[in-house]
């Protein structure tokens, strides 16, 4: 997968997050979790864009770790929303959880590889 495919995948993930948030109930818990989810779930594509123009290899690694951190936060938030049934379309939540898990795996490997290359 090249960086443009990954960028497009992250953008599609952010769009899915927005769709989920727009369907969440207007309740105290729904508003709180939707706010958290929209921030962390859309920041992954934005921070990845920043990582692509990192000023150094260390800066690139740092920004990739930020993307990973936001993905992990999004994953937990999605699981809470799923368990509390604060969603309208279960298929979207399940798709987002699966994609989120795959993206975490990709970024764990990317960070490991970048750190390994930095130390050589």
C-alpha atoms as a PDB file:
ATOM      1  CA  UNK A   1       0.000   0.000   0.000  1.00  0.00           C
ATOM      2  CA  UNK A   2       1.438   3.363  -0.920  1.00  0.00           C
ATOM      3  CA  UNK A   3       1.035   6.590   1.037  1.00  0.00           C
ATOM      4  CA  UNK A   4      -1.732   7.853  -1.256  1.00  0.00           C
ATOM      5  CA  UNK A   5      -3.795   4.681  -0.765  1.00  0.00           C
ATOM      6  CA  UNK A   6      -3.366   4.994   2.990  1.00  0.00           C
ATOM      7  CA  UNK A   7      -4.263   8.676   2.892  1.00  0.00           C
ATOM      8  CA  UNK A   8      -7.457   7.888   0.963  1.00  0.00           C
ATOM      9  CA  UNK A   9      -8.274   5.076   3.393  1.00  0.00           C
ATOM     10  CA  UNK A  10      -7.877   7.456   6.339  1.00  0.00           C
ATOM     11  CA  UNK A  11     -10.084  10.053   4.650  1.00  0.00           C
ATOM     12  CA  UNK A  12     -12.757   7.400   4.021  1.00  0.00           C
ATOM     13  CA  UNK A  13     -12.485   6.353   7.670  1.00  0.00           C
ATOM     14  CA  UNK A  14     -12.965   9.959   8.806  1.00  0.00           C
ATOM     15  CA  UNK A  15     -16.035  10.242   6.559  1.00  0.00           C
ATOM     16  CA  UNK A  16     -17.461   7.056   8.108  1.00  0.00           C
ATOM     17  CA  UNK A  17     -16.875   8.524  11.578  1.00  0.00           C
ATOM     18  CA  UNK A  18     -18.758  11.697  10.598  1.00  0.00           C
ATOM     19  CA  UNK A  19     -21.649   9.590   9.298  1.00  0.00           C
ATOM     20  CA  UNK A  20     -21.807   7.669  12.587  1.00  0.00           C
ATOM     21  CA  UNK A  21     -21.661  10.866  14.645  1.00  0.00           C
ATOM     22  CA  UNK A  22     -24.440  12.458  12.592  1.00  0.00           C
ATOM     23  CA  UNK A  23     -26.690   9.494  13.421  1.00  0.00           C
ATOM     24  CA  UNK A  24     -26.018   9.443  17.173  1.00  0.00           C
ATOM     25  CA  UNK A  25     -28.776  10.415  19.608  1.00  0.00           C
ATOM     26  CA  UNK A  26     -29.045  13.916  21.005  1.00  0.00           C
ATOM     27  CA  UNK A  27     -28.570  12.866  24.625  1.00  0.00           C
ATOM     28  CA  UNK A  28     -26.004  13.753  27.269  1.00  0.00           C
ATOM     29  CA  UNK A  29     -23.966  10.584  26.600  1.00  0.00           C
ATOM     30  CA  UNK A  30     -24.568  10.740  22.842  1.00  0.00           C
ATOM     31  CA  UNK A  31     -23.350  14.334  22.632  1.00  0.00           C
ATOM     32  CA  UNK A  32     -20.302  13.677  24.798  1.00  0.00           C
ATOM     33  CA  UNK A  33     -19.178  10.570  22.929  1.00  0.00           C
ATOM     34  CA  UNK A  34     -19.987  11.992  19.509  1.00  0.00           C
ATOM     35  CA  UNK A  35     -17.808  15.016  20.311  1.00  0.00           C
ATOM     36  CA  UNK A  36     -14.918  12.771  21.362  1.00  0.00           C
ATOM     37  CA  UNK A  37     -15.384  10.523  18.352  1.00  0.00           C
ATOM     38  CA  UNK A  38     -15.540  13.285  15.764  1.00  0.00           C
ATOM     39  CA  UNK A  39     -12.372  14.896  17.151  1.00  0.00           C
ATOM     40  CA  UNK A  40     -10.232  11.765  17.348  1.00  0.00           C
ATOM     41  CA  UNK A  41     -11.752  10.007  14.328  1.00  0.00           C
ATOM     42  CA  UNK A  42     -11.250  12.888  11.928  1.00  0.00           C
ATOM     43  CA  UNK A  43      -7.866  13.955  13.277  1.00  0.00           C
ATOM     44  CA  UNK A  44      -6.276  10.731  12.019  1.00  0.00           C
ATOM     45  CA  UNK A  45      -6.472  11.796   8.381  1.00  0.00           C
ATOM     46  CA  UNK A  46      -5.484  15.380   9.170  1.00  0.00           C
ATOM     47  CA  UNK A  47      -2.476  14.352  11.273  1.00  0.00           C
ATOM     48  CA  UNK A  48      -1.383  11.866   8.619  1.00  0.00           C
ATOM     49  CA  UNK A  49      -1.320  14.736   6.143  1.00  0.00           C
ATOM     50  CA  UNK A  50       0.950  16.629   8.532  1.00  0.00           C
ATOM     51  CA  UNK A  51       3.203  13.594   8.956  1.00  0.00           C
ATOM     52  CA  UNK A  52       3.774  13.498   5.211  1.00  0.00           C
ATOM     53  CA  UNK A  53       5.467  16.875   5.427  1.00  0.00           C
ATOM     54  CA  UNK A  54       7.472  16.158   8.577  1.00  0.00           C
ATOM     55  CA  UNK A  55      10.511  18.364   8.940  1.00  0.00           C
ATOM     56  CA  UNK A  56      12.746  15.438   9.855  1.00  0.00           C
ATOM     57  CA  UNK A  57      12.539  11.691  10.285  1.00  0.00           C
ATOM     58  CA  UNK A  58      12.025  12.206  14.035  1.00  0.00           C
ATOM     59  CA  UNK A  59       9.215  14.680  13.339  1.00  0.00           C
ATOM     60  CA  UNK A  60       7.624  12.185  10.928  1.00  0.00           C
ATOM     61  CA  UNK A  61       7.776   9.429  13.564  1.00  0.00           C
ATOM     62  CA  UNK A  62       6.309  11.739  16.202  1.00  0.00           C
ATOM     63  CA  UNK A  63       3.375  12.659  13.953  1.00  0.00           C
ATOM     64  CA  UNK A  64       2.785   9.022  13.019  1.00  0.00           C
ATOM     65  CA  UNK A  65       2.643   8.225  16.748  1.00  0.00           C
ATOM     66  CA  UNK A  66       0.035  10.982  17.143  1.00  0.00           C
ATOM     67  CA  UNK A  67      -2.051   9.300  14.425  1.00  0.00           C
ATOM     68  CA  UNK A  68      -1.695   5.980  16.265  1.00  0.00           C
ATOM     69  CA  UNK A  69      -2.716   7.586  19.565  1.00  0.00           C
ATOM     70  CA  UNK A  70      -5.822   9.092  17.958  1.00  0.00           C
ATOM     71  CA  UNK A  71      -6.688   5.759  16.330  1.00  0.00           C
ATOM     72  CA  UNK A  72      -6.512   4.020  19.702  1.00  0.00           C
ATOM     73  CA  UNK A  73      -8.733   6.671  21.295  1.00  0.00           C
ATOM     74  CA  UNK A  74     -11.213   6.333  18.432  1.00  0.00           C
ATOM     75  CA  UNK A  75     -11.220   2.539  18.798  1.00  0.00           C
ATOM     76  CA  UNK A  76     -12.150   2.688  22.491  1.00  0.00           C
ATOM     77  CA  UNK A  77     -14.797   5.327  21.827  1.00  0.00           C
ATOM     78  CA  UNK A  78     -16.354   3.187  19.081  1.00  0.00           C
ATOM     79  CA  UNK A  79     -16.432   0.185  21.415  1.00  0.00           C
ATOM     80  CA  UNK A  80     -18.173   2.218  24.122  1.00  0.00           C
ATOM     81  CA  UNK A  81     -20.724   3.492  21.599  1.00  0.00           C
ATOM     82  CA  UNK A  82     -21.279  -0.054  20.335  1.00  0.00           C
ATOM     83  CA  UNK A  83     -21.728  -1.535  23.820  1.00  0.00           C
ATOM     84  CA  UNK A  84     -24.125   1.206  24.892  1.00  0.00           C
ATOM     85  CA  UNK A  85     -26.029   1.025  21.582  1.00  0.00           C
ATOM     86  CA  UNK A  86     -25.675   4.778  20.981  1.00  0.00           C
ATOM     87  CA  UNK A  87     -25.815   4.269  17.225  1.00  0.00           C
ATOM     88  CA  UNK A  88     -28.401   4.054  14.496  1.00  0.00           C
ATOM     89  CA  UNK A  89     -26.725   1.659  12.058  1.00  0.00           C
ATOM     90  CA  UNK A  90     -24.911  -1.298  13.608  1.00  0.00           C
ATOM     91  CA  UNK A  91     -23.248  -2.190  10.301  1.00  0.00           C
ATOM     92  CA  UNK A  92     -21.497   1.211  10.228  1.00  0.00           C
ATOM     93  CA  UNK A  93     -20.214   0.810  13.793  1.00  0.00           C
ATOM     94  CA  UNK A  94     -18.944  -2.694  13.082  1.00  0.00           C
ATOM     95  CA  UNK A  95     -17.306  -1.541   9.830  1.00  0.00           C
ATOM     96  CA  UNK A  96     -15.637   1.367  11.660  1.00  0.00           C
ATOM     97  CA  UNK A  97     -14.362  -0.889  14.460  1.00  0.00           C
ATOM     98  CA  UNK A  98     -12.907  -3.360  11.934  1.00  0.00           C
ATOM     99  CA  UNK A  99     -11.287  -0.625   9.836  1.00  0.00           C
ATOM    100  CA  UNK A 100      -9.982   1.113  12.969  1.00  0.00           C
ATOM    101  CA  UNK A 101      -8.359  -2.128  14.139  1.00  0.00           C
ATOM    102  CA  UNK A 102      -6.704  -2.640  10.732  1.00  0.00           C
ATOM    103  CA  UNK A 103      -5.451   0.957  10.674  1.00  0.00           C
ATOM    104  CA  UNK A 104      -3.931   0.550  14.145  1.00  0.00           C
ATOM    105  CA  UNK A 105      -2.028  -2.514  12.900  1.00  0.00           C
ATOM    106  CA  UNK A 106      -0.768  -0.601   9.856  1.00  0.00           C
ATOM    107  CA  UNK A 107       0.432   2.330  11.963  1.00  0.00           C
ATOM    108  CA  UNK A 108       2.086   0.146  14.608  1.00  0.00           C
ATOM    109  CA  UNK A 109       4.149  -1.469  11.839  1.00  0.00           C
ATOM    110  CA  UNK A 110       4.841   1.872  10.141  1.00  0.00           C
ATOM    111  CA  UNK A 111       6.124   3.436  13.360  1.00  0.00           C
ATOM    112  CA  UNK A 112       8.251   0.357  14.123  1.00  0.00           C
ATOM    113  CA  UNK A 113       9.772   0.446  10.628  1.00  0.00           C
ATOM    114  CA  UNK A 114      10.408   4.196  10.743  1.00  0.00           C
ATOM    115  CA  UNK A 115      12.091   3.889  14.156  1.00  0.00           C
ATOM    116  CA  UNK A 116      14.199   0.980  12.948  1.00  0.00           C
ATOM    117  CA  UNK A 117      15.298   2.993   9.897  1.00  0.00           C
ATOM    118  CA  UNK A 118      16.103   5.989  12.116  1.00  0.00           C
ATOM    119  CA  UNK A 119      18.476   3.894  14.231  1.00  0.00           C
ATOM    120  CA  UNK A 120      20.437   2.579  11.236  1.00  0.00           C
END
